[in-house]
Amino acid sequence: MCSYFPVLRHILMLSSECRTILAALADAMEPARSRILIHDFVDPPTIGFDRPRVLDMLDLHMIASLNARLRNRGEWDALVHSVGGKLAIHQAWAGVDGSAVLEIRYVVDLEQVDPGVQGSRIDLRSSKSV
């Protein structure tokens, strides 16, 4: 049986604070059992009409109010991995208008992890089912 931490929903905006939050959670995790769920936006690589307009509006809001912006899948992978290499995105599920749920697991053996590919249900970089 696995144990989930509360879902982190739209709170991981400033990278330095994100690392602090994720590092504290990583220290409290049981490596084989615990998972972190992040519900946030993942910026797709599309430009123009294929891109949900709400993401552009959200990006402008975040730049103006927080001096931050949306992250794409590669940036999410890098942020999660930057916590001492302890965490990795295991699965990702795309929602509507760019939202997604990312399942983060404690990494026991880094050789077995391929961030962004292993276990993904959907490729958020191209919004196509895998």
Protein backbone atom coordinates (compact mmCIF):
# COMPACT_ATOMS: atom_id res chain seq x y z
CA MET A 1 0.00 0.00 0.00
CA CYS A 2 1.33 3.42 -0.89
CA SER A 3 0.91 6.65 1.02
CA TYR A 4 0.15 9.94 -0.69
CA PHE A 5 1.00 13.37 0.59
CA PRO A 6 -1.64 16.08 0.11
CA VAL A 7 -1.98 17.30 -3.45
CA LEU A 8 0.08 20.41 -4.13
CA ARG A 9 -2.25 22.53 -6.21
CA HIS A 10 -1.03 25.69 -7.95
CA ILE A 11 1.39 26.64 -5.15
CA LEU A 12 4.76 25.74 -6.68
CA MET A 13 5.58 28.96 -8.49
CA LEU A 14 8.91 30.37 -7.34
CA SER A 15 11.69 27.83 -7.96
CA SER A 16 13.64 28.49 -4.75
CA GLU A 17 10.53 28.03 -2.59
CA CYS A 18 9.51 24.97 -4.63
CA ARG A 19 12.83 23.31 -3.90
CA THR A 20 12.42 24.01 -0.17
CA ILE A 21 8.91 22.52 -0.14
CA LEU A 22 9.87 19.47 -2.22
CA ALA A 23 13.05 18.87 -0.18
CA ALA A 24 11.04 18.87 3.07
CA LEU A 25 8.55 16.42 1.57
CA ALA A 26 11.35 14.22 0.20
CA ASP A 27 12.92 13.99 3.67
CA ALA A 28 9.58 12.82 5.10
CA MET A 29 8.85 10.26 2.37
CA GLU A 30 9.15 6.50 2.66
CA PRO A 31 11.09 5.60 -0.52
CA ALA A 32 9.07 2.57 -1.58
CA ARG A 33 5.64 3.82 -0.56
CA SER A 34 5.21 7.58 -0.68
CA ARG A 35 4.06 9.72 -3.58
CA ILE A 36 3.53 13.43 -4.09
CA LEU A 37 0.79 14.62 -6.42
CA ILE A 38 1.16 18.02 -8.05
CA HIS A 39 -1.84 19.55 -9.82
CA ASP A 40 -0.63 22.48 -11.85
CA PHE A 41 -0.25 23.77 -15.37
CA VAL A 42 2.28 22.36 -17.84
CA ASP A 43 3.09 24.76 -20.65
CA PRO A 44 2.82 22.94 -23.99
CA PRO A 45 5.41 23.70 -26.69
CA THR A 46 2.77 24.86 -29.18
CA ILE A 47 2.46 28.43 -30.41
CA GLY A 48 -0.60 30.02 -31.96
CA PHE A 49 -4.05 28.54 -32.36
CA ASP A 50 -3.23 25.09 -30.91
CA ARG A 51 -2.33 26.60 -27.55
CA PRO A 52 -5.08 27.10 -24.91
CA ARG A 53 -5.57 30.86 -24.54
CA VAL A 54 -6.00 30.51 -20.78
CA LEU A 55 -2.30 29.58 -20.55
CA ASP A 56 -1.24 32.85 -22.18
CA MET A 57 -3.44 34.83 -19.79
CA LEU A 58 -2.13 32.85 -16.80
CA ASP A 59 1.46 33.34 -17.94
CA LEU A 60 0.98 37.13 -18.14
CA HIS A 61 -0.69 37.17 -14.71
CA MET A 62 2.16 35.18 -13.15
CA ILE A 63 4.80 37.42 -14.73
CA ALA A 64 3.07 40.59 -13.49
CA SER A 65 2.20 39.44 -9.98
CA LEU A 66 4.87 36.88 -9.04
CA ASN A 67 7.78 37.45 -11.43
CA ALA A 68 7.33 33.80 -12.45
CA ARG A 69 5.95 31.92 -15.43
CA LEU A 70 4.47 28.56 -16.38
CA ARG A 71 6.83 25.60 -16.62
CA ASN A 72 6.98 23.16 -19.50
CA ARG A 73 7.47 19.43 -18.90
CA GLY A 74 11.26 19.66 -19.12
CA GLU A 75 11.33 22.44 -16.54
CA TRP A 76 9.10 20.41 -14.19
CA ASP A 77 11.47 17.43 -14.59
CA ALA A 78 14.48 19.63 -13.85
CA LEU A 79 12.82 21.24 -10.80
CA VAL A 80 11.80 17.90 -9.30
CA HIS A 81 15.23 16.38 -9.98
CA SER A 82 17.01 19.44 -8.51
CA VAL A 83 16.04 18.34 -4.99
CA GLY A 84 19.28 16.44 -4.49
CA GLY A 85 18.28 13.88 -7.13
CA LYS A 86 15.90 12.28 -4.62
CA LEU A 87 12.68 12.78 -6.60
CA ALA A 88 11.47 12.08 -10.14
CA ILE A 89 8.21 12.40 -12.06
CA HIS A 90 6.88 8.87 -12.41
CA GLN A 91 3.56 9.49 -14.17
CA ALA A 92 1.72 12.46 -15.65
CA TRP A 93 -1.92 12.87 -16.59
CA ALA A 94 -3.04 15.78 -18.77
CA GLY A 95 -6.20 17.64 -17.91
CA VAL A 96 -7.96 20.40 -19.82
CA ASP A 97 -6.52 23.75 -20.89
CA GLY A 98 -2.95 22.79 -19.97
CA SER A 99 -3.58 21.49 -16.48
CA ALA A 100 -1.94 18.24 -15.40
CA VAL A 101 -1.38 15.96 -12.43
CA LEU A 102 2.21 14.88 -11.88
CA GLU A 103 3.00 11.89 -9.67
CA ILE A 104 6.36 12.32 -7.94
CA ARG A 105 8.18 9.36 -6.38
CA TYR A 106 11.27 9.04 -4.25
CA VAL A 107 14.13 7.73 -6.40
CA VAL A 108 16.09 4.86 -4.90
CA ASP A 109 18.20 4.06 -7.98
CA LEU A 110 18.78 6.91 -10.44
CA GLU A 111 19.91 4.46 -13.14
CA GLN A 112 16.33 3.22 -13.48
CA VAL A 113 14.74 6.65 -13.98
CA ASP A 114 14.27 8.37 -17.30
CA PRO A 115 12.53 11.67 -16.40
CA GLY A 116 9.60 12.53 -18.62
CA VAL A 117 9.30 9.09 -20.18
CA GLN A 118 9.13 6.28 -17.63
CA GLY A 119 5.58 5.53 -16.56
CA SER A 120 4.01 8.50 -18.33
CA ARG A 121 0.40 8.03 -19.37
CA ILE A 122 0.57 11.03 -21.66
CA ASP A 123 3.38 12.95 -23.26
CA LEU A 124 2.72 16.48 -22.02
CA ARG A 125 5.33 17.88 -24.38
CA SER A 126 3.19 17.15 -27.40
CA SER A 127 -0.24 16.55 -25.80
CA LYS A 128 -0.48 13.16 -27.54
CA SER A 129 -1.35 9.93 -25.78
CA VAL A 130 1.53 7.52 -25.41
